[in-house]
Amino acid sequence: MERPADVRVGRSSAGLGLFTKEDLVKDDFIIEYIGEHISHEESDRRGGKYLFTLNDDIIVDGKDRKNKARYINHSCRPNCDAEIEDEERILIRARKRIKAGEELTIDYGKEYFAEHIAPYGCRCAKCSEK
């Protein structure tokens, strides 16, 4: 397994966020999104905003604070991507060069955006520029 990046949780425009403590280049492995593996039915029952679809059978419930990747905030212009590896793991990778100290962001998708972000307004850097 690749070495994860050195990251820290800190204040961001959206509350808490995850920040890199080192320079990263495109495709660098940053962190794995971890949590309890549950069924889609259980996911529907629980609800929540830390649910990440792994495959047709499994959702990862990343609500536990041990999952530092849960602090990666949404951005309409993200610097990270999620990669599903062998339908078993969710890896977060740099989608471009990221300098030490920058907040790590990802596009959480249309469904998540509509349910959890749009009702309150997007606070990502791209949308804050408007």
N, C-alpha and C. Protein backbone atom coordinates (compact mmCIF):
# COMPACT_ATOMS: atom_id res chain seq x y z
N MET A 1 0.85 -1.19 0.00
CA MET A 1 0.00 0.00 0.00
C MET A 1 0.88 1.24 0.00
N GLU A 2 0.45 2.20 -0.75
CA GLU A 2 1.17 3.47 -0.81
C GLU A 2 1.08 4.19 0.54
N ARG A 3 2.04 5.04 0.78
CA ARG A 3 2.05 5.84 2.01
C ARG A 3 1.04 6.97 1.88
N PRO A 4 0.17 7.13 2.89
CA PRO A 4 -0.77 8.25 2.83
C PRO A 4 -0.05 9.57 3.03
N ALA A 5 -0.66 10.64 2.57
CA ALA A 5 -0.10 11.98 2.73
C ALA A 5 -0.22 12.41 4.19
N ASP A 6 0.59 13.35 4.57
CA ASP A 6 0.53 13.94 5.91
C ASP A 6 -0.54 15.03 5.87
N VAL A 7 -1.62 14.84 6.63
CA VAL A 7 -2.76 15.76 6.60
C VAL A 7 -3.13 16.19 8.02
N ARG A 8 -3.92 17.26 8.07
CA ARG A 8 -4.43 17.74 9.36
C ARG A 8 -5.85 18.26 9.19
N VAL A 9 -6.63 18.16 10.25
CA VAL A 9 -7.98 18.73 10.27
C VAL A 9 -7.85 20.15 10.79
N GLY A 10 -8.53 21.09 10.15
CA GLY A 10 -8.47 22.48 10.57
C GLY A 10 -9.70 23.25 10.14
N ARG A 11 -9.76 24.51 10.50
CA ARG A 11 -10.89 25.38 10.15
C ARG A 11 -10.87 25.69 8.66
N SER A 12 -12.08 25.68 8.07
CA SER A 12 -12.21 26.03 6.66
C SER A 12 -13.46 26.90 6.49
N SER A 13 -13.71 27.33 5.28
CA SER A 13 -14.89 28.17 5.02
C SER A 13 -16.19 27.41 5.26
N ALA A 14 -16.13 26.08 5.26
CA ALA A 14 -17.32 25.25 5.44
C ALA A 14 -17.37 24.63 6.84
N GLY A 15 -16.57 25.11 7.77
CA GLY A 15 -16.50 24.53 9.12
C GLY A 15 -15.14 23.92 9.33
N LEU A 16 -15.10 22.59 9.44
CA LEU A 16 -13.83 21.89 9.52
C LEU A 16 -13.49 21.33 8.14
N GLY A 17 -12.21 21.25 7.84
CA GLY A 17 -11.76 20.72 6.56
C GLY A 17 -10.49 19.92 6.76
N LEU A 18 -10.04 19.26 5.70
CA LEU A 18 -8.80 18.49 5.74
C LEU A 18 -7.78 19.22 4.87
N PHE A 19 -6.58 19.39 5.40
CA PHE A 19 -5.51 20.14 4.74
C PHE A 19 -4.27 19.27 4.62
N THR A 20 -3.56 19.43 3.51
CA THR A 20 -2.30 18.71 3.34
C THR A 20 -1.17 19.46 4.03
N LYS A 21 -0.27 18.72 4.62
CA LYS A 21 0.90 19.31 5.27
C LYS A 21 2.14 19.19 4.38
N GLU A 22 1.95 18.66 3.17
CA GLU A 22 3.06 18.47 2.23
C GLU A 22 2.59 18.75 0.81
N ASP A 23 3.52 19.09 -0.05
CA ASP A 23 3.20 19.29 -1.46
C ASP A 23 2.82 17.95 -2.07
N LEU A 24 1.81 17.98 -2.94
CA LEU A 24 1.35 16.78 -3.63
C LEU A 24 1.34 17.03 -5.12
N VAL A 25 1.51 15.97 -5.89
CA VAL A 25 1.42 16.06 -7.34
C VAL A 25 0.25 15.20 -7.82
N LYS A 26 -0.16 15.42 -9.05
CA LYS A 26 -1.28 14.69 -9.63
C LYS A 26 -1.11 13.18 -9.40
N ASP A 27 -2.21 12.54 -8.99
CA ASP A 27 -2.31 11.10 -8.75
C ASP A 27 -1.68 10.62 -7.45
N ASP A 28 -1.10 11.51 -6.64
CA ASP A 28 -0.59 11.09 -5.34
C ASP A 28 -1.74 10.54 -4.49
N PHE A 29 -1.49 9.43 -3.78
CA PHE A 29 -2.45 8.89 -2.83
C PHE A 29 -2.44 9.79 -1.60
N ILE A 30 -3.63 10.20 -1.16
CA ILE A 30 -3.73 11.10 -0.01
C ILE A 30 -4.22 10.37 1.22
N ILE A 31 -5.38 9.72 1.10
CA ILE A 31 -6.00 9.08 2.26
C ILE A 31 -7.05 8.10 1.78
N GLU A 32 -7.36 7.12 2.62
CA GLU A 32 -8.44 6.18 2.31
C GLU A 32 -9.69 6.59 3.08
N TYR A 33 -10.83 6.54 2.42
CA TYR A 33 -12.11 6.80 3.07
C TYR A 33 -12.53 5.50 3.74
N ILE A 34 -12.58 5.50 5.07
CA ILE A 34 -12.85 4.27 5.81
C ILE A 34 -14.13 4.39 6.63
N GLY A 35 -14.65 3.25 7.03
CA GLY A 35 -15.83 3.23 7.88
C GLY A 35 -16.50 1.87 7.84
N GLU A 36 -17.61 1.80 8.53
CA GLU A 36 -18.38 0.56 8.58
C GLU A 36 -18.98 0.27 7.22
N HIS A 37 -18.89 -0.99 6.79
CA HIS A 37 -19.49 -1.42 5.53
C HIS A 37 -20.92 -1.87 5.82
N ILE A 38 -21.88 -1.21 5.17
CA ILE A 38 -23.29 -1.51 5.39
C ILE A 38 -24.00 -1.70 4.05
N SER A 39 -25.19 -2.27 4.11
CA SER A 39 -25.98 -2.48 2.88
C SER A 39 -26.64 -1.18 2.46
N HIS A 40 -27.12 -1.15 1.24
CA HIS A 40 -27.86 0.02 0.75
C HIS A 40 -29.13 0.22 1.57
N GLU A 41 -29.77 -0.88 1.96
CA GLU A 41 -30.98 -0.79 2.77
C GLU A 41 -30.68 -0.15 4.12
N GLU A 42 -29.58 -0.58 4.76
CA GLU A 42 -29.19 0.00 6.05
C GLU A 42 -28.82 1.46 5.88
N SER A 43 -28.18 1.79 4.78
CA SER A 43 -27.82 3.18 4.49
C SER A 43 -29.08 4.04 4.40
N ASP A 44 -30.12 3.53 3.70
CA ASP A 44 -31.38 4.27 3.59
C ASP A 44 -32.02 4.45 4.95
N ARG A 45 -31.91 3.43 5.80
CA ARG A 45 -32.50 3.51 7.15
C ARG A 45 -31.77 4.54 8.00
N ARG A 46 -30.43 4.51 7.97
CA ARG A 46 -29.62 5.41 8.81
C ARG A 46 -29.64 6.84 8.33
N GLY A 47 -29.51 7.00 7.02
CA GLY A 47 -29.33 8.34 6.48
C GLY A 47 -27.97 8.89 6.91
N GLY A 48 -27.76 10.17 6.70
CA GLY A 48 -26.51 10.80 7.09
C GLY A 48 -25.75 11.32 5.89
N LYS A 49 -24.71 12.10 6.17
CA LYS A 49 -23.98 12.71 5.06
C LYS A 49 -22.58 12.15 4.86
N TYR A 50 -22.23 11.10 5.58
CA TYR A 50 -20.90 10.50 5.41
C TYR A 50 -20.96 9.14 4.73
N LEU A 51 -22.01 8.92 3.94
CA LEU A 51 -22.21 7.65 3.26
C LEU A 51 -21.59 7.71 1.87
N PHE A 52 -20.78 6.71 1.55
CA PHE A 52 -20.04 6.69 0.29
C PHE A 52 -20.27 5.33 -0.36
N THR A 53 -20.82 5.32 -1.57
CA THR A 53 -21.10 4.06 -2.26
C THR A 53 -19.80 3.42 -2.72
N LEU A 54 -19.59 2.19 -2.28
CA LEU A 54 -18.40 1.44 -2.67
C LEU A 54 -18.69 0.58 -3.91
N ASN A 55 -19.83 -0.10 -3.89
CA ASN A 55 -20.22 -0.94 -5.03
C ASN A 55 -21.73 -1.19 -4.96
N ASP A 56 -22.22 -2.12 -5.77
CA ASP A 56 -23.65 -2.38 -5.82
C ASP A 56 -24.22 -2.93 -4.51
N ASP A 57 -23.37 -3.48 -3.67
CA ASP A 57 -23.83 -4.11 -2.43
C ASP A 57 -23.46 -3.34 -1.16
N ILE A 58 -22.41 -2.52 -1.22
CA ILE A 58 -21.84 -1.95 0.01
C ILE A 58 -21.76 -0.43 -0.04
N ILE A 59 -22.15 0.17 1.08
CA ILE A 59 -21.97 1.60 1.34
C ILE A 59 -20.99 1.69 2.50
N VAL A 60 -20.06 2.63 2.44
CA VAL A 60 -19.16 2.87 3.56
C VAL A 60 -19.75 4.02 4.37
N ASP A 61 -20.02 3.76 5.64
CA ASP A 61 -20.51 4.79 6.55
C ASP A 61 -19.30 5.37 7.27
N GLY A 62 -18.85 6.53 6.80
CA GLY A 62 -17.63 7.14 7.30
C GLY A 62 -17.84 8.14 8.43
N LYS A 63 -18.91 8.01 9.21
CA LYS A 63 -19.23 9.00 10.23
C LYS A 63 -18.25 9.01 11.41
N ASP A 64 -17.54 7.91 11.64
CA ASP A 64 -16.61 7.83 12.77
C ASP A 64 -15.49 8.85 12.58
N ARG A 65 -15.15 9.56 13.63
CA ARG A 65 -14.10 10.59 13.55
C ARG A 65 -12.72 10.03 13.26
N LYS A 66 -12.55 8.72 13.37
CA LYS A 66 -11.27 8.09 12.99
C LYS A 66 -11.06 8.19 11.48
N ASN A 67 -12.15 8.40 10.75
CA ASN A 67 -12.09 8.56 9.29
C ASN A 67 -11.78 10.01 8.96
N LYS A 68 -10.51 10.35 8.91
CA LYS A 68 -10.13 11.74 8.62
C LYS A 68 -10.62 12.20 7.25
N ALA A 69 -10.80 11.28 6.32
CA ALA A 69 -11.25 11.65 4.97
C ALA A 69 -12.65 12.28 5.01
N ARG A 70 -13.41 12.05 6.07
CA ARG A 70 -14.75 12.64 6.19
C ARG A 70 -14.69 14.16 6.24
N TYR A 71 -13.53 14.72 6.56
CA TYR A 71 -13.36 16.17 6.65
C TYR A 71 -13.05 16.83 5.32
N ILE A 72 -12.94 16.04 4.25
CA ILE A 72 -12.72 16.62 2.93
C ILE A 72 -14.03 17.24 2.48
N ASN A 73 -14.03 18.53 2.27
CA ASN A 73 -15.24 19.25 1.89
C ASN A 73 -15.48 19.21 0.39
N HIS A 74 -16.73 19.48 0.03
CA HIS A 74 -17.13 19.57 -1.37
C HIS A 74 -16.56 20.84 -2.00
N SER A 75 -16.24 20.74 -3.27
CA SER A 75 -15.90 21.91 -4.06
C SER A 75 -16.42 21.71 -5.47
N CYS A 76 -16.89 22.79 -6.07
CA CYS A 76 -17.31 22.75 -7.47
C CYS A 76 -16.08 22.76 -8.39
N ARG A 77 -14.92 23.05 -7.84
CA ARG A 77 -13.64 22.98 -8.55
C ARG A 77 -12.65 22.22 -7.66
N PRO A 78 -12.83 20.89 -7.52
CA PRO A 78 -12.05 20.09 -6.55
C PRO A 78 -10.60 19.88 -6.96
N ASN A 79 -9.77 19.58 -5.94
CA ASN A 79 -8.38 19.25 -6.21
C ASN A 79 -8.09 17.77 -5.95
N CYS A 80 -9.12 16.99 -5.58
CA CYS A 80 -8.98 15.56 -5.32
C CYS A 80 -10.08 14.78 -6.03
N ASP A 81 -9.83 13.50 -6.24
CA ASP A 81 -10.82 12.58 -6.80
C ASP A 81 -10.86 11.33 -5.93
N ALA A 82 -12.02 10.68 -5.90
CA ALA A 82 -12.17 9.39 -5.23
C ALA A 82 -12.00 8.30 -6.27
N GLU A 83 -11.28 7.27 -5.90
CA GLU A 83 -11.02 6.14 -6.80
C GLU A 83 -11.43 4.86 -6.06
N ILE A 84 -12.30 4.08 -6.68
CA ILE A 84 -12.69 2.80 -6.10
C ILE A 84 -11.68 1.76 -6.57
N GLU A 85 -11.03 1.10 -5.62
CA GLU A 85 -10.02 0.09 -5.94
C GLU A 85 -10.58 -1.30 -5.67
N ASP A 86 -10.66 -2.12 -6.72
CA ASP A 86 -11.12 -3.51 -6.62
C ASP A 86 -12.47 -3.66 -5.91
N GLU A 87 -13.32 -2.65 -6.02
CA GLU A 87 -14.63 -2.65 -5.36
C GLU A 87 -14.53 -2.92 -3.86
N GLU A 88 -13.37 -2.60 -3.28
CA GLU A 88 -13.15 -2.87 -1.85
C GLU A 88 -12.73 -1.64 -1.06
N ARG A 89 -12.10 -0.68 -1.73
CA ARG A 89 -11.54 0.47 -1.01
C ARG A 89 -11.81 1.75 -1.76
N ILE A 90 -11.92 2.85 -1.00
CA ILE A 90 -12.12 4.17 -1.58
C ILE A 90 -10.85 4.97 -1.30
N LEU A 91 -10.11 5.25 -2.34
CA LEU A 91 -8.85 5.98 -2.21
C LEU A 91 -9.05 7.40 -2.71
N ILE A 92 -8.51 8.35 -1.98
CA ILE A 92 -8.57 9.75 -2.39
C ILE A 92 -7.19 10.12 -2.95
N ARG A 93 -7.21 10.65 -4.16
CA ARG A 93 -5.97 11.01 -4.85
C ARG A 93 -6.01 12.47 -5.31
N ALA A 94 -4.83 13.05 -5.44
CA ALA A 94 -4.72 14.41 -5.95
C ALA A 94 -5.07 14.41 -7.43
N ARG A 95 -5.93 15.34 -7.83
CA ARG A 95 -6.28 15.43 -9.25
C ARG A 95 -5.39 16.43 -9.97
N LYS A 96 -4.58 17.15 -9.17
CA LYS A 96 -3.63 18.13 -9.72
C LYS A 96 -2.61 18.43 -8.63
N ARG A 97 -1.70 19.31 -8.92
CA ARG A 97 -0.69 19.71 -7.93
C ARG A 97 -1.38 20.48 -6.78
N ILE A 98 -1.04 20.11 -5.55
CA ILE A 98 -1.62 20.75 -4.37
C ILE A 98 -0.46 21.14 -3.46
N LYS A 99 -0.43 22.41 -3.06
CA LYS A 99 0.66 22.89 -2.21
C LYS A 99 0.37 22.64 -0.73
N ALA A 100 1.41 22.45 0.03
CA ALA A 100 1.29 22.27 1.48
C ALA A 100 0.45 23.42 2.05
N GLY A 101 -0.48 23.08 2.94
CA GLY A 101 -1.34 24.08 3.56
C GLY A 101 -2.68 24.24 2.89
N GLU A 102 -2.83 23.72 1.66
CA GLU A 102 -4.10 23.86 0.94
C GLU A 102 -5.14 22.88 1.48
N GLU A 103 -6.40 23.33 1.42
CA GLU A 103 -7.50 22.46 1.80
C GLU A 103 -7.73 21.43 0.69
N LEU A 104 -8.03 20.21 1.09
CA LEU A 104 -8.35 19.13 0.17
C LEU A 104 -9.85 19.14 -0.09
N THR A 105 -10.23 19.08 -1.35
CA THR A 105 -11.65 19.15 -1.72
C THR A 105 -11.99 18.11 -2.78
N ILE A 106 -13.25 17.77 -2.85
CA ILE A 106 -13.73 16.77 -3.80
C ILE A 106 -15.12 17.18 -4.26
N ASP A 107 -15.51 16.78 -5.45
CA ASP A 107 -16.88 17.01 -5.92
C ASP A 107 -17.71 15.82 -5.45
N TYR A 108 -18.66 16.07 -4.56
CA TYR A 108 -19.44 14.99 -3.96
C TYR A 108 -20.59 14.52 -4.84
N GLY A 109 -20.78 15.12 -5.99
CA GLY A 109 -21.78 14.66 -6.93
C GLY A 109 -23.12 15.36 -6.80
N LYS A 110 -23.93 15.21 -7.82
CA LYS A 110 -25.21 15.93 -7.92
C LYS A 110 -26.19 15.58 -6.81
N GLU A 111 -26.33 14.30 -6.51
CA GLU A 111 -27.30 13.87 -5.49
C GLU A 111 -26.92 14.45 -4.12
N TYR A 112 -25.65 14.31 -3.73
CA TYR A 112 -25.19 14.84 -2.44
C TYR A 112 -25.36 16.36 -2.41
N PHE A 113 -24.94 17.01 -3.51
CA PHE A 113 -25.04 18.47 -3.60
C PHE A 113 -26.49 18.92 -3.39
N ALA A 114 -27.41 18.28 -4.10
CA ALA A 114 -28.82 18.67 -4.02
C ALA A 114 -29.39 18.47 -2.60
N GLU A 115 -28.98 17.40 -1.95
CA GLU A 115 -29.55 17.08 -0.63
C GLU A 115 -28.88 17.83 0.52
N HIS A 116 -27.56 17.97 0.49
CA HIS A 116 -26.84 18.48 1.65
C HIS A 116 -26.23 19.88 1.49
N ILE A 117 -26.03 20.33 0.26
CA ILE A 117 -25.33 21.61 0.06
C ILE A 117 -26.25 22.70 -0.48
N ALA A 118 -26.98 22.41 -1.55
CA ALA A 118 -27.83 23.41 -2.20
C ALA A 118 -28.81 24.10 -1.24
N PRO A 119 -29.44 23.37 -0.31
CA PRO A 119 -30.40 24.05 0.59
C PRO A 119 -29.76 25.16 1.44
N TYR A 120 -28.45 25.08 1.66
CA TYR A 120 -27.77 26.06 2.52
C TYR A 120 -26.86 27.00 1.73
N GLY A 121 -26.62 26.66 0.47
CA GLY A 121 -25.71 27.44 -0.36
C GLY A 121 -24.31 26.86 -0.32
N CYS A 122 -23.69 26.76 -1.46
CA CYS A 122 -22.33 26.21 -1.55
C CYS A 122 -21.33 27.24 -1.02
N ARG A 123 -20.42 26.78 -0.17
CA ARG A 123 -19.40 27.66 0.41
C ARG A 123 -18.00 27.35 -0.09
N CYS A 124 -17.91 26.65 -1.24
CA CYS A 124 -16.58 26.35 -1.78
C CYS A 124 -15.94 27.63 -2.32
N ALA A 125 -14.65 27.61 -2.54
CA ALA A 125 -13.92 28.79 -3.00
C ALA A 125 -14.46 29.31 -4.34
N LYS A 126 -14.78 28.40 -5.27
CA LYS A 126 -15.31 28.83 -6.58
C LYS A 126 -16.61 29.59 -6.42
N CYS A 127 -17.51 29.08 -5.59
CA CYS A 127 -18.81 29.73 -5.42
C CYS A 127 -18.72 30.98 -4.54
N SER A 128 -17.75 31.03 -3.65
CA SER A 128 -17.57 32.21 -2.79
C SER A 128 -17.03 33.39 -3.56
N GLU A 129 -16.39 33.13 -4.72
CA GLU A 129 -15.84 34.20 -5.56
C GLU A 129 -16.95 35.04 -6.19
N LYS A 130 -18.13 34.46 -6.32
CA LYS A 130 -19.25 35.14 -7.01
C LYS A 130 -19.78 36.31 -6.23
